N, C-alpha and C. Protein backbone atom coordinates (compact mmCIF):
# COMPACT_ATOMS: atom_id res chain seq x y z
N MET A 1 0.82 -1.20 0.00
CA MET A 1 0.00 0.00 0.00
C MET A 1 0.86 1.26 0.00
N PHE A 2 2.07 1.16 0.57
CA PHE A 2 2.94 2.32 0.63
C PHE A 2 3.17 2.92 -0.75
N LEU A 3 3.50 2.07 -1.70
CA LEU A 3 3.78 2.56 -3.05
C LEU A 3 2.53 3.16 -3.69
N ILE A 4 1.38 2.58 -3.46
CA ILE A 4 0.13 3.12 -4.01
C ILE A 4 -0.14 4.50 -3.43
N TYR A 5 -0.02 4.64 -2.11
CA TYR A 5 -0.23 5.95 -1.49
C TYR A 5 0.79 6.97 -2.01
N SER A 6 2.02 6.54 -2.17
CA SER A 6 3.07 7.45 -2.63
C SER A 6 2.82 7.93 -4.05
N VAL A 7 2.46 7.01 -4.93
CA VAL A 7 2.21 7.38 -6.33
C VAL A 7 0.96 8.27 -6.44
N MET A 8 -0.09 7.88 -5.73
CA MET A 8 -1.31 8.70 -5.77
C MET A 8 -1.06 10.10 -5.19
N GLY A 9 -0.31 10.16 -4.10
CA GLY A 9 0.02 11.45 -3.50
C GLY A 9 0.86 12.30 -4.44
N ALA A 10 1.83 11.67 -5.11
CA ALA A 10 2.66 12.40 -6.07
C ALA A 10 1.82 12.93 -7.24
N LEU A 11 0.86 12.13 -7.68
CA LEU A 11 -0.03 12.59 -8.76
C LEU A 11 -0.87 13.78 -8.31
N LEU A 12 -1.35 13.73 -7.07
CA LEU A 12 -2.13 14.87 -6.57
C LEU A 12 -1.27 16.11 -6.41
N TYR A 13 -0.05 15.94 -5.90
CA TYR A 13 0.87 17.08 -5.81
C TYR A 13 1.14 17.67 -7.20
N THR A 14 1.33 16.80 -8.17
CA THR A 14 1.59 17.27 -9.54
C THR A 14 0.37 18.01 -10.09
N GLY A 15 -0.83 17.50 -9.80
CA GLY A 15 -2.04 18.22 -10.20
C GLY A 15 -2.09 19.60 -9.56
N GLY A 16 -1.68 19.69 -8.30
CA GLY A 16 -1.60 20.98 -7.64
C GLY A 16 -0.58 21.89 -8.30
N ASP A 17 0.56 21.32 -8.70
CA ASP A 17 1.57 22.10 -9.41
C ASP A 17 1.03 22.65 -10.74
N ILE A 18 0.34 21.80 -11.47
CA ILE A 18 -0.22 22.21 -12.77
C ILE A 18 -1.23 23.34 -12.57
N LEU A 19 -2.12 23.17 -11.60
CA LEU A 19 -3.10 24.23 -11.35
C LEU A 19 -2.44 25.50 -10.81
N GLY A 20 -1.37 25.34 -10.06
CA GLY A 20 -0.62 26.51 -9.61
C GLY A 20 -0.03 27.29 -10.77
N LYS A 21 0.47 26.57 -11.77
CA LYS A 21 1.00 27.23 -12.96
C LYS A 21 -0.12 27.90 -13.76
N TYR A 22 -1.27 27.21 -13.89
CA TYR A 22 -2.42 27.84 -14.55
C TYR A 22 -2.83 29.10 -13.81
N TRP A 23 -2.84 29.04 -12.48
CA TRP A 23 -3.19 30.22 -11.69
C TRP A 23 -2.19 31.34 -11.93
N ALA A 24 -0.90 31.01 -11.98
CA ALA A 24 0.13 32.02 -12.21
C ALA A 24 -0.04 32.68 -13.58
N LEU A 25 -0.49 31.93 -14.56
CA LEU A 25 -0.66 32.46 -15.91
C LEU A 25 -1.97 33.22 -16.09
N ASN A 26 -3.04 32.77 -15.40
CA ASN A 26 -4.38 33.32 -15.63
C ASN A 26 -4.95 34.11 -14.47
N ASP A 27 -4.35 33.98 -13.30
CA ASP A 27 -4.80 34.69 -12.10
C ASP A 27 -6.27 34.43 -11.78
N LYS A 28 -6.69 33.17 -11.95
CA LYS A 28 -8.07 32.78 -11.59
C LYS A 28 -8.03 32.10 -10.23
N LEU A 29 -8.83 32.60 -9.33
CA LEU A 29 -8.86 32.09 -7.97
C LEU A 29 -9.24 30.61 -7.91
N SER A 30 -10.07 30.16 -8.84
CA SER A 30 -10.50 28.75 -8.83
C SER A 30 -9.32 27.81 -9.01
N TYR A 31 -8.36 28.16 -9.87
CA TYR A 31 -7.17 27.33 -10.05
C TYR A 31 -6.38 27.25 -8.74
N PHE A 32 -6.27 28.38 -8.08
CA PHE A 32 -5.55 28.46 -6.81
C PHE A 32 -6.20 27.57 -5.75
N ILE A 33 -7.51 27.67 -5.61
CA ILE A 33 -8.23 26.93 -4.58
C ILE A 33 -8.19 25.42 -4.85
N VAL A 34 -8.47 25.03 -6.08
CA VAL A 34 -8.45 23.60 -6.40
C VAL A 34 -7.03 23.04 -6.28
N GLY A 35 -6.04 23.84 -6.66
CA GLY A 35 -4.65 23.41 -6.49
C GLY A 35 -4.31 23.16 -5.03
N LEU A 36 -4.76 24.04 -4.15
CA LEU A 36 -4.53 23.83 -2.71
C LEU A 36 -5.26 22.58 -2.20
N ILE A 37 -6.44 22.33 -2.73
CA ILE A 37 -7.18 21.13 -2.34
C ILE A 37 -6.41 19.87 -2.76
N LEU A 38 -5.86 19.90 -3.97
CA LEU A 38 -5.08 18.75 -4.44
C LEU A 38 -3.84 18.54 -3.58
N TYR A 39 -3.16 19.64 -3.22
CA TYR A 39 -1.99 19.53 -2.34
C TYR A 39 -2.40 18.94 -0.99
N SER A 40 -3.53 19.36 -0.46
CA SER A 40 -4.00 18.85 0.83
C SER A 40 -4.31 17.35 0.74
N ALA A 41 -4.96 16.94 -0.34
CA ALA A 41 -5.25 15.52 -0.53
C ALA A 41 -3.95 14.72 -0.67
N GLY A 42 -2.97 15.29 -1.37
CA GLY A 42 -1.66 14.64 -1.47
C GLY A 42 -1.00 14.52 -0.10
N GLY A 43 -1.16 15.54 0.72
CA GLY A 43 -0.62 15.49 2.08
C GLY A 43 -1.28 14.41 2.91
N ALA A 44 -2.58 14.23 2.74
CA ALA A 44 -3.30 13.17 3.45
C ALA A 44 -2.76 11.80 3.04
N LEU A 45 -2.47 11.63 1.75
CA LEU A 45 -1.90 10.37 1.29
C LEU A 45 -0.48 10.19 1.82
N MET A 46 0.24 11.31 2.00
CA MET A 46 1.57 11.24 2.61
C MET A 46 1.45 10.66 4.02
N PHE A 47 0.45 11.11 4.78
CA PHE A 47 0.24 10.58 6.13
C PHE A 47 -0.05 9.08 6.09
N LEU A 48 -0.86 8.66 5.11
CA LEU A 48 -1.15 7.22 4.99
C LEU A 48 0.11 6.43 4.62
N ALA A 49 0.94 7.02 3.77
CA ALA A 49 2.21 6.36 3.41
C ALA A 49 3.11 6.24 4.62
N ILE A 50 3.14 7.29 5.46
CA ILE A 50 3.94 7.25 6.68
C ILE A 50 3.43 6.15 7.61
N LYS A 51 2.13 5.97 7.65
CA LYS A 51 1.54 4.92 8.48
C LYS A 51 1.98 3.53 8.02
N GLU A 52 2.16 3.38 6.71
CA GLU A 52 2.55 2.09 6.15
C GLU A 52 4.06 1.81 6.28
N ASP A 53 4.86 2.86 6.26
CA ASP A 53 6.31 2.70 6.31
C ASP A 53 6.87 3.80 7.19
N SER A 54 8.07 4.21 6.96
CA SER A 54 8.70 5.21 7.81
C SER A 54 8.53 6.61 7.24
N LEU A 55 8.72 7.59 8.08
CA LEU A 55 8.67 8.99 7.66
C LEU A 55 9.74 9.27 6.62
N THR A 56 10.93 8.73 6.85
CA THR A 56 12.01 9.01 5.91
C THR A 56 11.74 8.42 4.53
N MET A 57 11.17 7.22 4.48
CA MET A 57 10.85 6.62 3.17
C MET A 57 9.79 7.46 2.46
N ALA A 58 8.77 7.86 3.18
CA ALA A 58 7.70 8.66 2.57
C ALA A 58 8.26 9.99 2.04
N LEU A 59 9.13 10.61 2.81
CA LEU A 59 9.68 11.90 2.40
C LEU A 59 10.73 11.78 1.30
N LEU A 60 11.27 10.61 1.12
CA LEU A 60 12.20 10.40 0.01
C LEU A 60 11.49 10.00 -1.28
N VAL A 61 10.44 9.20 -1.16
CA VAL A 61 9.80 8.66 -2.35
C VAL A 61 8.77 9.62 -2.95
N MET A 62 7.81 10.07 -2.17
CA MET A 62 6.70 10.85 -2.73
C MET A 62 7.15 12.17 -3.37
N PRO A 63 7.92 13.01 -2.66
CA PRO A 63 8.34 14.26 -3.32
C PRO A 63 9.23 14.02 -4.54
N SER A 64 10.03 12.96 -4.50
CA SER A 64 10.88 12.66 -5.66
C SER A 64 10.04 12.33 -6.89
N LEU A 65 9.01 11.54 -6.69
CA LEU A 65 8.10 11.23 -7.79
C LEU A 65 7.37 12.49 -8.26
N ALA A 66 6.95 13.32 -7.33
CA ALA A 66 6.23 14.54 -7.69
C ALA A 66 7.12 15.49 -8.49
N ILE A 67 8.38 15.60 -8.13
CA ILE A 67 9.32 16.45 -8.88
C ILE A 67 9.44 15.96 -10.32
N THR A 68 9.61 14.67 -10.47
CA THR A 68 9.76 14.10 -11.81
C THR A 68 8.48 14.27 -12.63
N LEU A 69 7.34 14.02 -12.01
CA LEU A 69 6.06 14.20 -12.72
C LEU A 69 5.83 15.66 -13.09
N SER A 70 6.22 16.58 -12.23
CA SER A 70 6.06 18.00 -12.53
C SER A 70 6.96 18.43 -13.68
N LEU A 71 8.14 17.85 -13.76
CA LEU A 71 9.03 18.12 -14.88
C LEU A 71 8.40 17.67 -16.19
N ILE A 72 7.82 16.48 -16.17
CA ILE A 72 7.15 15.95 -17.37
C ILE A 72 5.93 16.80 -17.71
N ALA A 73 5.15 17.19 -16.71
CA ALA A 73 3.97 18.01 -16.94
C ALA A 73 4.36 19.37 -17.51
N GLY A 74 5.44 19.95 -17.00
CA GLY A 74 5.90 21.24 -17.52
C GLY A 74 6.20 21.15 -19.01
N TYR A 75 6.78 20.05 -19.41
CA TYR A 75 7.11 19.87 -20.82
C TYR A 75 5.87 19.65 -21.68
N TYR A 76 5.02 18.70 -21.27
CA TYR A 76 3.88 18.33 -22.11
C TYR A 76 2.70 19.29 -22.00
N VAL A 77 2.45 19.83 -20.83
CA VAL A 77 1.27 20.69 -20.66
C VAL A 77 1.58 22.14 -21.02
N PHE A 78 2.77 22.60 -20.65
CA PHE A 78 3.09 24.03 -20.83
C PHE A 78 4.16 24.29 -21.88
N GLY A 79 4.71 23.23 -22.46
CA GLY A 79 5.72 23.40 -23.50
C GLY A 79 7.03 23.98 -22.98
N GLU A 80 7.32 23.76 -21.70
CA GLU A 80 8.57 24.28 -21.13
C GLU A 80 9.75 23.46 -21.63
N ARG A 81 10.85 24.14 -21.85
CA ARG A 81 12.06 23.48 -22.30
C ARG A 81 12.71 22.76 -21.12
N ILE A 82 13.16 21.54 -21.35
CA ILE A 82 13.85 20.77 -20.32
C ILE A 82 15.32 20.66 -20.72
N SER A 83 16.18 21.10 -19.83
CA SER A 83 17.62 21.06 -20.12
C SER A 83 18.18 19.66 -19.89
N SER A 84 19.36 19.43 -20.39
CA SER A 84 20.03 18.15 -20.18
C SER A 84 20.25 17.90 -18.69
N LEU A 85 20.55 18.95 -17.95
CA LEU A 85 20.75 18.82 -16.52
C LEU A 85 19.46 18.38 -15.82
N GLN A 86 18.32 18.91 -16.26
CA GLN A 86 17.05 18.50 -15.68
C GLN A 86 16.73 17.04 -16.01
N TYR A 87 17.02 16.61 -17.24
CA TYR A 87 16.84 15.20 -17.59
C TYR A 87 17.71 14.32 -16.70
N ALA A 88 18.96 14.70 -16.55
CA ALA A 88 19.88 13.91 -15.72
C ALA A 88 19.39 13.84 -14.27
N ALA A 89 18.94 14.98 -13.74
CA ALA A 89 18.44 15.00 -12.36
C ALA A 89 17.22 14.11 -12.21
N ALA A 90 16.31 14.14 -13.18
CA ALA A 90 15.11 13.30 -13.12
C ALA A 90 15.50 11.82 -13.13
N LEU A 91 16.47 11.46 -13.94
CA LEU A 91 16.91 10.06 -13.98
C LEU A 91 17.54 9.64 -12.66
N VAL A 92 18.35 10.52 -12.08
CA VAL A 92 18.96 10.22 -10.78
C VAL A 92 17.88 10.05 -9.72
N ILE A 93 16.89 10.94 -9.73
CA ILE A 93 15.79 10.85 -8.76
C ILE A 93 15.04 9.53 -8.92
N LEU A 94 14.69 9.18 -10.13
CA LEU A 94 13.96 7.93 -10.36
C LEU A 94 14.80 6.71 -9.99
N LEU A 95 16.09 6.76 -10.28
CA LEU A 95 16.98 5.67 -9.89
C LEU A 95 17.03 5.54 -8.38
N ALA A 96 17.08 6.66 -7.67
CA ALA A 96 17.09 6.64 -6.20
C ALA A 96 15.81 6.01 -5.66
N VAL A 97 14.68 6.36 -6.26
CA VAL A 97 13.40 5.77 -5.81
C VAL A 97 13.40 4.27 -6.05
N VAL A 98 13.88 3.82 -7.20
CA VAL A 98 13.94 2.39 -7.49
C VAL A 98 14.84 1.68 -6.48
N ILE A 99 16.00 2.26 -6.18
CA ILE A 99 16.90 1.65 -5.21
C ILE A 99 16.25 1.59 -3.83
N LEU A 100 15.60 2.65 -3.43
CA LEU A 100 14.92 2.66 -2.12
C LEU A 100 13.82 1.63 -2.05
N MET A 101 13.05 1.49 -3.10
CA MET A 101 11.95 0.55 -3.10
C MET A 101 12.45 -0.89 -3.22
N TRP A 102 13.62 -1.08 -3.81
CA TRP A 102 14.18 -2.42 -3.97
C TRP A 102 14.48 -3.02 -2.59
N ASN A 103 15.10 -2.22 -1.72
CA ASN A 103 15.40 -2.68 -0.37
C ASN A 103 15.24 -1.50 0.60
N PRO A 104 13.99 -1.17 0.95
CA PRO A 104 13.74 0.04 1.75
C PRO A 104 14.22 -0.03 3.19
N LYS A 105 14.70 -1.17 3.66
CA LYS A 105 15.11 -1.29 5.06
C LYS A 105 16.59 -1.02 5.27
N LEU A 106 17.29 -0.56 4.25
CA LEU A 106 18.73 -0.25 4.40
C LEU A 106 18.94 0.94 5.29
């Protein structure tokens, strides 16, 4: 369940990021409010992930996934340019998550 909570929480955080960017571009209060709701729901899933595993695992896995998903969303939704350094960082982050999930008790 830990991985399910983490992935779902990361998706909600990313949805909040996307709506935050829409709010920044359009200055519509509805984007701001719904974005905060998504962040709050992601935080609730973070608590559930902590319940399933440790605080450190939850704080390493969920935000890392959210960063990577936000990078992808920036590219596909907003047409933002992704630098080679950003690609490399995303790969390192995903590799770290895979290593942590492979043997999370290290």
